[in-house]
């Protein structure tokens, strides 16, 4: 039986200064289905959804919900009309508690005046129980890991009794166990008759969870196919317009002598306790572990942006203290953070400013002023090396897609010519073609005898790029494995050691 069309977007066009983001793109979502939306970074996926959700005003085209033409002026109007979106970049009131974040702007009142705290709590618990989310409604958002905050955002979308829910890279910060939980929620929503639009770069997820897949390229519509008819190779070919046979570049780096020594690293306000390891010149070392295992905290303490309570760091035989980011950069360290929007980009600045901000000293002419020519040259190198899609160097970074923002930040750190590069989820929200390019840049650095340490939630990525993998569990180092000979099962066993 043919399923009822729930949402129809016809010939949507959207232009920004200097770039045509969407060029006559159409999308049809049926009731009770999961419709995946795929494409490289900058293909226009998020832009299309923002036109639906009222964040952007489309230039032309029509949108129909249950046969009725809609044209939302803002996200509030979209939510009130049963269209919700779980954004890739979380935008939450971190100083408020969980239930405030869910019901903000629509608090139930007592006698139309007082906020009914009891009802808010009970309503939050009801949504959480239905979705099997184990989070205290009174917990302050800033005290929670990204993955739990993501679950709160999903619960918020469900609380609007939405007919259409857009998930934009929902698993980019989730562990495998949390991904399974999310899929359970999505299947439950599908069974209730919701239309789910699912944006992801993860092929295995798409093929597993989706009913239909629409593929976009460079702001245009390419194809819509049944998920069961597709293979990973076919999706990649449609997305990038070319064959991409190998997921990872060949490893050509040869680790040398020990360069970085970390001893008994412990943190004051996190789980990190007594972590020790060495990394050799030209070696790529991965850090695996479940959410909350101390992976990110380990990098943050090495880079000096978290409060260390004990431990020593030695680079090339010399002690380094790395008491803050400025000192770390001076000592030859660079760090790509997990949450690019909160701790990576300077949203109001352009691409050039975001690219050179960590290496301004080399652009000073006669120690008096910054050389435009020098900054422009380095920015162009970064754009070319990363294949960043942007109209110009002076485009505001917030106008770029999430993946292209990530490329700008990585380029920024490469320009500081670091001896030690710390990467926290370097390919989060990045398409398959761009991932390969970033892997190649990582291996190029290793070939230049640099030290690379990368945290990733994607096990195949760690196995494909790294030489060794350190496994964290409960804030401690649970073990170390050789990436060539280990298995995902061995890594997961170590990850659960101290849980």
Protein backbone atom coordinates (compact mmCIF):
# COMPACT_ATOMS: atom_id res chain seq x y z
CA UNK A 1 0.00 0.00 0.00
CA UNK A 2 1.34 3.44 -0.97
CA UNK A 3 2.12 5.55 2.10
CA UNK A 4 0.59 8.99 2.49
CA UNK A 5 2.80 11.97 1.61
CA UNK A 6 3.37 14.00 4.78
CA UNK A 7 5.82 16.66 3.59
CA UNK A 8 6.59 17.91 0.11
CA UNK A 9 9.26 20.50 -0.72
CA UNK A 10 9.17 21.60 -4.39
CA UNK A 11 11.87 23.45 -6.36
CA UNK A 12 13.42 25.16 -3.33
CA UNK A 13 16.01 27.84 -4.15
CA UNK A 14 18.15 29.74 -1.65
CA UNK A 15 20.92 32.23 -2.34
CA UNK A 16 23.45 33.85 -0.02
CA UNK A 17 25.77 36.67 -1.11
CA UNK A 18 28.15 35.08 -3.62
CA UNK A 19 26.77 31.55 -3.43
CA UNK A 20 23.70 29.63 -4.65
CA UNK A 21 23.13 27.26 -1.73
CA UNK A 22 20.02 25.52 -3.15
CA UNK A 23 19.11 25.23 -6.82
CA UNK A 24 15.57 23.85 -7.39
CA UNK A 25 15.79 21.09 -4.77
CA UNK A 26 12.76 18.85 -4.11
CA UNK A 27 12.08 16.41 -1.26
CA UNK A 28 9.08 14.16 -0.48
CA UNK A 29 8.68 12.52 2.95
CA UNK A 30 5.98 9.91 3.57
CA UNK A 31 4.16 9.31 6.85
CA UNK A 32 5.73 6.64 9.08
CA UNK A 33 9.07 6.56 7.25
CA UNK A 34 12.70 7.52 7.88
CA UNK A 35 13.99 9.59 4.96
CA UNK A 36 17.77 10.06 4.90
CA UNK A 37 19.31 13.18 3.39
CA UNK A 38 22.90 12.75 2.23
CA UNK A 39 25.61 14.76 0.51
CA UNK A 40 29.08 16.18 1.01
CA UNK A 41 29.67 19.18 3.27
CA UNK A 42 28.23 22.21 1.55
CA UNK A 43 25.78 20.11 -0.51
CA UNK A 44 22.89 22.10 1.02
CA UNK A 45 21.31 19.51 3.35
CA UNK A 46 21.16 21.69 6.48
CA UNK A 47 20.23 24.76 4.41
CA UNK A 48 17.22 22.90 2.95
CA UNK A 49 16.10 21.89 6.44
CA UNK A 50 16.56 25.44 7.76
CA UNK A 51 14.28 26.67 4.97
CA UNK A 52 11.67 24.17 6.18
CA UNK A 53 12.14 25.12 9.84
CA UNK A 54 11.88 28.88 9.30
CA UNK A 55 15.50 29.74 10.12
CA UNK A 56 16.13 30.79 6.49
CA UNK A 57 13.63 32.39 4.11
CA UNK A 58 13.69 30.52 0.79
CA UNK A 59 14.01 32.62 -2.38
CA UNK A 60 11.50 30.51 -4.31
CA UNK A 61 9.72 27.15 -4.24
CA UNK A 62 6.82 25.69 -2.25
CA UNK A 63 6.51 23.60 0.93
CA UNK A 64 3.41 21.50 1.72
CA UNK A 65 2.65 19.79 5.06
CA UNK A 66 -0.25 17.30 4.82
CA UNK A 67 -1.27 19.02 1.57
CA UNK A 68 -1.41 22.50 3.12
CA UNK A 69 1.12 25.09 1.91
CA UNK A 70 3.34 26.37 4.73
CA UNK A 71 5.94 29.09 4.95
CA UNK A 72 7.22 29.38 8.52
CA UNK A 73 8.66 32.77 9.49
CA UNK A 74 10.68 31.36 12.42
CA UNK A 75 11.40 28.16 14.36
CA UNK A 76 8.69 28.93 16.98
CA UNK A 77 6.07 28.87 14.23
CA UNK A 78 7.50 25.59 12.89
CA UNK A 79 7.37 23.93 16.32
CA UNK A 80 3.80 25.14 16.89
CA UNK A 81 2.88 23.47 13.58
CA UNK A 82 4.41 20.10 14.56
CA UNK A 83 7.75 20.45 12.72
CA UNK A 84 10.81 19.99 14.97
CA UNK A 85 14.55 19.92 14.32
CA UNK A 86 17.38 18.44 16.41
CA UNK A 87 20.36 20.52 15.32
CA UNK A 88 23.90 19.24 14.84
CA UNK A 89 25.26 22.18 16.85
CA UNK A 90 23.43 22.24 20.19
CA UNK A 91 22.12 25.66 21.17
CA UNK A 92 20.99 25.32 24.78
CA UNK A 93 20.68 27.44 27.93
CA UNK A 94 23.58 25.77 29.74
CA UNK A 95 23.07 27.56 33.07
CA UNK A 96 19.45 26.38 33.28
CA UNK A 97 18.26 22.89 34.18
CA UNK A 98 17.01 20.18 31.84
CA UNK A 99 13.27 20.83 32.22
CA UNK A 100 13.74 24.59 31.67
CA UNK A 101 15.44 23.81 28.36
CA UNK A 102 12.59 21.56 27.25
CA UNK A 103 9.70 23.89 28.15
CA UNK A 104 11.32 27.32 27.64
CA UNK A 105 8.80 29.71 26.07
CA UNK A 106 5.78 27.49 26.83
CA UNK A 107 5.78 27.04 30.62
CA UNK A 108 2.49 25.78 32.07
CA UNK A 109 1.12 28.43 34.47
CA UNK A 110 -0.92 28.33 37.68
CA UNK A 111 -3.79 30.84 37.44
CA UNK A 112 -2.08 32.19 34.31
CA UNK A 113 0.68 33.82 36.39
CA UNK A 114 2.92 31.44 38.33
CA UNK A 115 5.05 28.80 36.59
CA UNK A 116 3.79 25.34 37.55
CA UNK A 117 7.10 23.67 38.53
CA UNK A 118 5.44 20.41 39.56
CA UNK A 119 3.70 20.02 36.18
CA UNK A 120 6.95 20.84 34.32
CA UNK A 121 8.78 18.16 36.30
CA UNK A 122 6.04 15.55 35.81
CA UNK A 123 5.68 16.32 32.08
CA UNK A 124 9.47 16.03 31.61
CA UNK A 125 9.53 12.71 33.47
CA UNK A 126 6.67 11.45 31.31
CA UNK A 127 8.56 12.24 28.07
CA UNK A 128 11.80 10.75 29.46
CA UNK A 129 10.03 7.56 30.64
CA UNK A 130 8.40 7.15 27.22
CA UNK A 131 11.81 7.50 25.51
CA UNK A 132 13.68 5.55 28.25
CA UNK A 133 16.03 8.50 28.84
CA UNK A 134 17.72 8.36 32.23
CA UNK A 135 18.40 12.04 33.03
CA UNK A 136 17.42 14.05 36.11
CA UNK A 137 15.02 16.83 34.94
CA UNK A 138 16.53 19.17 37.56
CA UNK A 139 20.14 18.69 36.47
CA UNK A 140 21.95 21.79 35.16
CA UNK A 141 22.73 21.40 31.43
CA UNK A 142 26.40 22.50 31.69
CA UNK A 143 27.18 19.58 34.04
CA UNK A 144 26.16 17.00 31.44
CA UNK A 145 28.21 15.41 28.62
CA UNK A 146 27.33 16.35 25.02
CA UNK A 147 25.64 12.99 24.42
CA UNK A 148 23.13 13.47 27.26
CA UNK A 149 22.43 17.05 26.14
CA UNK A 150 21.72 15.61 22.68
CA UNK A 151 19.15 13.23 24.22
CA UNK A 152 17.49 16.20 25.99
CA UNK A 153 17.20 17.97 22.61
CA UNK A 154 15.57 14.86 21.11
CA UNK A 155 13.12 14.70 24.04
CA UNK A 156 12.29 18.39 23.47
CA UNK A 157 11.46 17.70 19.80
CA UNK A 158 9.21 14.77 20.80
CA UNK A 159 7.47 16.90 23.48
CA UNK A 160 5.93 19.07 20.72
CA UNK A 161 4.04 15.99 19.40
CA UNK A 162 5.79 16.64 16.10
CA UNK A 163 4.66 15.16 12.79
CA UNK A 164 8.03 15.89 11.15
CA UNK A 165 11.31 15.62 13.09
CA UNK A 166 14.63 16.50 11.45
CA UNK A 167 17.74 14.88 12.94
CA UNK A 168 20.90 16.70 11.76
CA UNK A 169 23.96 14.48 12.46
CA UNK A 170 22.35 13.15 15.68
CA UNK A 171 24.96 10.46 16.39
CA UNK A 172 28.10 12.58 15.93
CA UNK A 173 28.67 12.73 19.71
CA UNK A 174 27.00 9.47 20.78
CA UNK A 175 28.59 6.19 21.84
CA UNK A 176 27.54 2.92 20.15
CA UNK A 177 25.19 2.11 23.03
CA UNK A 178 23.58 5.56 22.79
CA UNK A 179 23.22 5.19 19.00
CA UNK A 180 21.25 1.97 19.59
CA UNK A 181 19.02 3.87 22.03
CA UNK A 182 18.47 6.66 19.48
CA UNK A 183 17.51 4.15 16.78
CA UNK A 184 15.00 2.61 19.18
CA UNK A 185 13.45 6.08 19.69
CA UNK A 186 13.39 6.74 15.92
CA UNK A 187 11.69 3.40 15.22
CA UNK A 188 9.11 4.19 17.92
CA UNK A 189 8.40 7.59 16.32
CA UNK A 190 8.16 6.00 12.85
CA UNK A 191 5.64 3.44 14.19
CA UNK A 192 3.54 6.34 15.53
CA UNK A 193 3.33 7.80 12.02
CA UNK A 194 6.00 10.52 12.27
CA UNK A 195 8.04 11.48 9.23
CA UNK A 196 11.73 11.44 10.17
CA UNK A 197 14.34 13.30 8.11
CA UNK A 198 17.76 11.92 9.00
CA UNK A 199 20.97 13.74 7.98
CA UNK A 200 24.18 11.77 8.47
CA UNK A 201 27.51 10.98 6.82
CA UNK A 202 27.62 7.52 8.38
CA UNK A 203 26.79 5.03 5.64
CA UNK A 204 26.11 2.02 7.86
CA UNK A 205 23.59 4.03 9.91
CA UNK A 206 21.81 5.30 6.81
CA UNK A 207 21.44 1.85 5.27
CA UNK A 208 20.22 0.41 8.56
CA UNK A 209 17.71 3.03 9.76
CA UNK A 210 16.31 4.53 6.52
CA UNK A 211 13.43 3.65 4.25
CA UNK A 212 14.36 6.13 1.51
CA UNK A 213 17.50 8.15 0.74
CA UNK A 214 17.73 11.49 -1.08
CA UNK A 215 21.20 12.53 -2.23
CA UNK A 216 22.29 16.12 -2.92
CA UNK A 217 25.43 17.53 -4.51
CA UNK A 218 26.55 21.19 -4.64
CA UNK A 219 23.10 22.54 -3.79
CA UNK A 220 21.26 20.40 -6.34
CA UNK A 221 19.05 17.30 -6.17
CA UNK A 222 20.75 14.13 -7.45
CA UNK A 223 18.46 11.16 -6.71
CA UNK A 224 15.97 9.52 -4.33
CA UNK A 225 16.21 5.76 -3.91
CA UNK A 226 14.93 3.00 -1.63
CA UNK A 227 17.55 2.34 1.07
CA UNK A 228 17.37 -1.43 0.52
CA UNK A 229 18.43 -0.92 -3.11
CA UNK A 230 21.58 1.03 -2.19
CA UNK A 231 25.14 0.06 -1.28
CA UNK A 232 27.79 2.19 0.40
CA UNK A 233 29.70 2.38 -2.90
CA UNK A 234 26.61 3.58 -4.78
CA UNK A 235 25.87 6.29 -2.17
CA UNK A 236 29.46 7.56 -2.33
CA UNK A 237 29.38 7.63 -6.14
CA UNK A 238 26.14 9.65 -6.14
CA UNK A 239 27.38 12.00 -3.40
CA UNK A 240 30.83 12.85 -4.72
CA UNK A 241 30.31 12.16 -8.42
CA UNK A 242 33.34 9.89 -8.46
CA UNK A 243 34.47 6.49 -7.19
CA UNK A 244 36.10 6.44 -3.74
CA UNK A 245 37.43 2.93 -3.31
CA UNK A 246 39.60 3.23 -0.22
CA UNK A 247 38.17 4.73 2.96
CA UNK A 248 41.63 5.37 4.44
CA UNK A 249 44.89 6.47 2.79
CA UNK A 250 47.83 4.04 2.99
CA UNK A 251 49.93 4.37 6.15
CA UNK A 252 53.40 5.47 5.11
CA UNK A 253 54.59 6.96 8.42
CA UNK A 254 57.37 5.26 10.36
CA UNK A 255 57.35 6.06 14.10
CA UNK A 256 60.79 6.94 15.51
CA UNK A 257 62.04 7.71 19.01
CA UNK A 258 59.83 8.77 21.93
CA UNK A 259 58.91 12.47 21.69
CA UNK A 260 56.07 13.01 24.17
CA UNK A 261 55.99 11.53 27.68
CA UNK A 262 52.89 11.90 29.86
CA UNK A 263 53.22 10.71 33.47
CA UNK A 264 50.53 10.30 36.17
CA UNK A 265 48.21 12.91 34.63
CA UNK A 266 45.27 13.67 36.94
CA UNK A 267 42.57 16.36 36.86
CA UNK A 268 40.90 18.34 39.63
CA UNK A 269 37.34 18.58 38.31
CA UNK A 270 37.00 15.46 36.15
CA UNK A 271 37.41 11.68 36.26
CA UNK A 272 40.99 11.73 34.93
CA UNK A 273 43.32 9.82 37.25
CA UNK A 274 46.96 8.71 37.02
CA UNK A 275 47.23 8.44 33.21
CA UNK A 276 50.68 7.66 31.76
CA UNK A 277 51.78 6.99 28.17
CA UNK A 278 54.44 7.79 25.55
CA UNK A 279 54.07 8.83 21.91
CA UNK A 280 56.87 8.57 19.34
CA UNK A 281 57.84 10.99 16.60
CA UNK A 282 55.82 10.29 13.46
CA UNK A 283 53.24 8.24 15.33
CA UNK A 284 49.45 8.58 15.26
CA UNK A 285 47.99 7.44 18.57
CA UNK A 286 44.23 7.06 19.04
CA UNK A 287 42.29 7.34 22.27
CA UNK A 288 39.17 5.16 22.51
CA UNK A 289 36.63 4.80 25.29
CA UNK A 290 33.00 5.21 26.19
CA UNK A 291 31.44 8.62 26.77
CA UNK A 292 32.66 10.01 30.11
CA UNK A 293 35.75 7.76 30.12
CA UNK A 294 38.14 10.74 30.24
CA UNK A 295 39.19 10.81 26.57
CA UNK A 296 38.49 14.52 26.04
CA UNK A 297 39.71 15.40 29.54
CA UNK A 298 43.05 13.78 28.75
CA UNK A 299 43.60 16.06 25.73
CA UNK A 300 42.32 19.14 27.59
CA UNK A 301 44.75 18.57 30.45
CA UNK A 302 47.70 18.10 28.11
CA UNK A 303 46.73 21.35 26.34
CA UNK A 304 46.24 23.27 29.59
CA UNK A 305 42.57 24.19 29.19
CA UNK A 306 41.46 22.06 32.15
CA UNK A 307 42.62 22.16 35.77
CA UNK A 308 45.39 19.62 36.26
CA UNK A 309 45.88 18.32 39.80
CA UNK A 310 49.01 16.30 39.13
CA UNK A 311 51.30 14.78 36.54
CA UNK A 312 54.13 15.80 34.21
CA UNK A 313 54.47 16.33 30.46
CA UNK A 314 57.80 16.08 28.66
CA UNK A 315 58.44 16.93 25.00
CA UNK A 316 61.79 15.93 23.43
CA UNK A 317 63.26 15.40 26.90
CA UNK A 318 62.25 18.86 28.21
CA UNK A 319 59.47 19.40 30.77
CA UNK A 320 56.55 21.51 29.48
CA UNK A 321 53.96 22.96 31.83
CA UNK A 322 51.17 24.01 29.43
CA UNK A 323 49.28 26.03 32.06
CA UNK A 324 46.98 27.57 29.44
CA UNK A 325 46.31 27.52 25.69
CA UNK A 326 48.72 30.40 24.94
CA UNK A 327 51.61 28.63 26.70
CA UNK A 328 50.74 25.34 24.98
CA UNK A 329 50.81 26.94 21.51
CA UNK A 330 54.18 28.50 22.36
CA UNK A 331 55.43 25.03 23.39
CA UNK A 332 54.42 23.56 20.00
CA UNK A 333 51.03 22.06 20.93
CA UNK A 334 47.75 22.53 19.01
CA UNK A 335 44.26 21.25 19.83
CA UNK A 336 41.14 20.81 17.73
CA UNK A 337 38.22 20.73 20.19
CA UNK A 338 35.13 18.51 20.00
CA UNK A 339 32.50 21.27 20.06
CA UNK A 340 33.58 23.59 17.26
CA UNK A 341 30.69 26.03 17.73
CA UNK A 342 31.32 26.54 21.46
CA UNK A 343 35.12 26.32 21.59
CA UNK A 344 36.41 26.36 18.01
CA UNK A 345 35.08 29.08 15.75
CA UNK A 346 34.81 32.84 16.17
CA UNK A 347 31.35 33.12 14.58
CA UNK A 348 31.36 36.88 13.98
CA UNK A 349 34.77 36.78 12.23
CA UNK A 350 35.49 35.81 8.63
CA UNK A 351 37.40 32.80 7.34
CA UNK A 352 40.72 34.63 7.05
CA UNK A 353 40.54 35.88 10.65
CA UNK A 354 39.54 32.42 11.92
CA UNK A 355 42.38 30.82 9.96
CA UNK A 356 45.29 33.04 11.07
CA UNK A 357 44.20 33.86 14.62
CA UNK A 358 46.55 31.31 16.23
CA UNK A 359 49.58 32.28 14.11
CA UNK A 360 49.38 36.11 14.07
CA UNK A 361 53.01 36.54 15.14
CA UNK A 362 54.31 35.24 11.79
CA UNK A 363 52.15 37.81 9.94
CA UNK A 364 53.50 40.85 11.80
CA UNK A 365 55.40 43.19 9.51
CA UNK A 366 58.25 45.00 11.29
CA UNK A 367 56.41 44.18 14.57
CA UNK A 368 54.00 47.04 13.86
CA UNK A 369 51.07 45.81 11.79
CA UNK A 370 49.68 42.63 10.25
CA UNK A 371 50.51 41.86 6.61
CA UNK A 372 47.30 41.39 4.58
CA UNK A 373 49.33 39.69 1.83
CA UNK A 374 50.86 37.17 4.24
CA UNK A 375 47.52 36.38 5.94
CA UNK A 376 45.79 36.02 2.57
CA UNK A 377 48.49 33.62 1.34
CA UNK A 378 48.21 31.35 4.40
CA UNK A 379 44.41 31.41 4.29
CA UNK A 380 44.44 30.40 0.62
CA UNK A 381 46.82 27.54 1.43
CA UNK A 382 44.39 26.34 4.11
CA UNK A 383 41.36 26.62 1.78
CA UNK A 384 43.18 24.69 -0.97
CA UNK A 385 44.68 22.04 1.34
CA UNK A 386 41.34 21.37 3.04
CA UNK A 387 39.23 21.87 -0.11
CA UNK A 388 37.04 24.20 1.94
CA UNK A 389 33.89 25.27 0.09
CA UNK A 390 33.56 29.03 0.51
CA UNK A 391 32.73 32.00 -1.75
CA UNK A 392 35.76 33.93 -0.46
CA UNK A 393 38.25 34.43 2.38
CA UNK A 394 36.09 37.24 3.75
CA UNK A 395 32.95 35.11 4.13
CA UNK A 396 31.79 34.90 7.76
CA UNK A 397 32.66 31.46 9.12
CA UNK A 398 29.16 30.98 10.54
CA UNK A 399 27.84 31.02 6.93
CA UNK A 400 29.72 27.78 6.17
CA UNK A 401 28.44 24.25 6.74
CA UNK A 402 29.62 22.52 9.93
CA UNK A 403 32.10 20.33 8.05
CA UNK A 404 33.65 23.30 6.27
CA UNK A 405 33.97 25.14 9.60
CA UNK A 406 35.87 22.08 10.87
CA UNK A 407 38.26 22.31 7.90
CA UNK A 408 38.96 26.00 8.66
CA UNK A 409 39.85 25.19 12.29
CA UNK A 410 42.11 22.30 11.29
CA UNK A 411 43.85 24.57 8.78
CA UNK A 412 44.31 27.17 11.54
CA UNK A 413 46.19 24.69 13.71
CA UNK A 414 48.30 23.29 10.87
CA UNK A 415 49.52 26.85 10.19
CA UNK A 416 50.97 27.04 13.72
CA UNK A 417 53.29 24.19 12.61
CA UNK A 418 52.78 22.21 15.84
CA UNK A 419 55.06 19.48 17.13
CA UNK A 420 52.09 17.85 18.88
CA UNK A 421 48.59 17.91 17.35
CA UNK A 422 45.70 16.94 19.65
CA UNK A 423 42.49 16.12 17.76
CA UNK A 424 39.13 15.59 19.49
CA UNK A 425 36.64 14.02 17.03
CA UNK A 426 38.42 15.56 13.99
CA UNK A 427 35.92 14.25 11.42
CA UNK A 428 32.71 14.82 13.39
CA UNK A 429 29.97 15.83 10.92
CA UNK A 430 32.30 15.58 7.92
CA UNK A 431 31.48 13.80 4.67
CA UNK A 432 33.28 10.74 3.36
CA UNK A 433 35.35 12.57 0.73
CA UNK A 434 36.53 15.25 3.16
CA UNK A 435 37.29 12.61 5.80
CA UNK A 436 39.79 11.00 3.46
CA UNK A 437 41.49 14.37 2.92
CA UNK A 438 41.75 14.97 6.68
CA UNK A 439 43.15 11.46 7.24
CA UNK A 440 45.77 12.22 4.57
CA UNK A 441 46.72 15.50 6.30
CA UNK A 442 47.10 13.63 9.61
CA UNK A 443 49.40 11.06 7.99
CA UNK A 444 51.34 13.83 6.20
CA UNK A 445 52.06 15.37 9.61
CA UNK A 446 53.17 12.00 10.96
CA UNK A 447 55.49 11.65 7.95
CA UNK A 448 57.09 14.94 9.06
CA UNK A 449 57.89 13.37 12.46
CA UNK A 450 55.08 15.20 14.27
CA UNK A 451 53.14 13.67 17.19
CA UNK A 452 49.41 13.17 16.58
CA UNK A 453 46.93 12.09 19.27
CA UNK A 454 43.29 11.72 18.20
CA UNK A 455 40.12 10.94 20.13
CA UNK A 456 37.34 9.37 18.09
CA UNK A 457 34.02 7.63 18.77
CA UNK A 458 34.30 5.86 15.41
CA UNK A 459 36.17 2.61 15.88
CA UNK A 460 36.91 2.00 12.14
CA UNK A 461 38.51 5.47 12.01
CA UNK A 462 40.88 4.67 14.89
CA UNK A 463 41.78 1.30 13.35
CA UNK A 464 42.24 2.80 9.87
CA UNK A 465 44.39 5.83 10.76
CA UNK A 466 46.25 5.11 14.02
CA UNK A 467 49.37 3.10 14.81
CA UNK A 468 48.41 2.44 18.42
CA UNK A 469 45.19 2.92 20.40
CA UNK A 470 45.02 3.86 24.09
CA UNK A 471 41.75 2.76 25.71
CA UNK A 472 40.28 4.87 28.52
CA UNK A 473 37.79 3.59 31.10
CA UNK A 474 36.44 5.42 34.14
CA UNK A 475 39.11 8.13 33.89
CA UNK A 476 41.99 5.65 33.82
CA UNK A 477 44.08 4.06 31.11
CA UNK A 478 42.63 0.56 30.77
CA UNK A 479 45.06 -0.69 28.16
CA UNK A 480 46.95 -0.15 24.92
CA UNK A 481 46.52 -2.06 21.65
CA UNK A 482 48.23 -2.26 18.27
CA UNK A 483 45.85 -0.89 15.62
CA UNK A 484 47.09 -3.46 13.06
CA UNK A 485 46.27 -6.52 15.14
CA UNK A 486 43.48 -5.52 17.56
CA UNK A 487 39.73 -5.97 17.13
CA UNK A 488 36.74 -3.81 17.99
CA UNK A 489 35.75 -6.45 20.56
CA UNK A 490 39.11 -6.16 22.36
CA UNK A 491 38.80 -2.36 22.49
CA UNK A 492 35.22 -2.50 23.84
CA UNK A 493 36.25 -5.02 26.52
CA UNK A 494 38.99 -2.66 27.73
CA UNK A 495 36.59 0.32 27.55
CA UNK A 496 34.28 -1.43 30.03
CA UNK A 497 37.11 -2.39 32.43
CA UNK A 498 36.56 0.27 35.11
CA UNK A 499 32.93 1.17 34.39
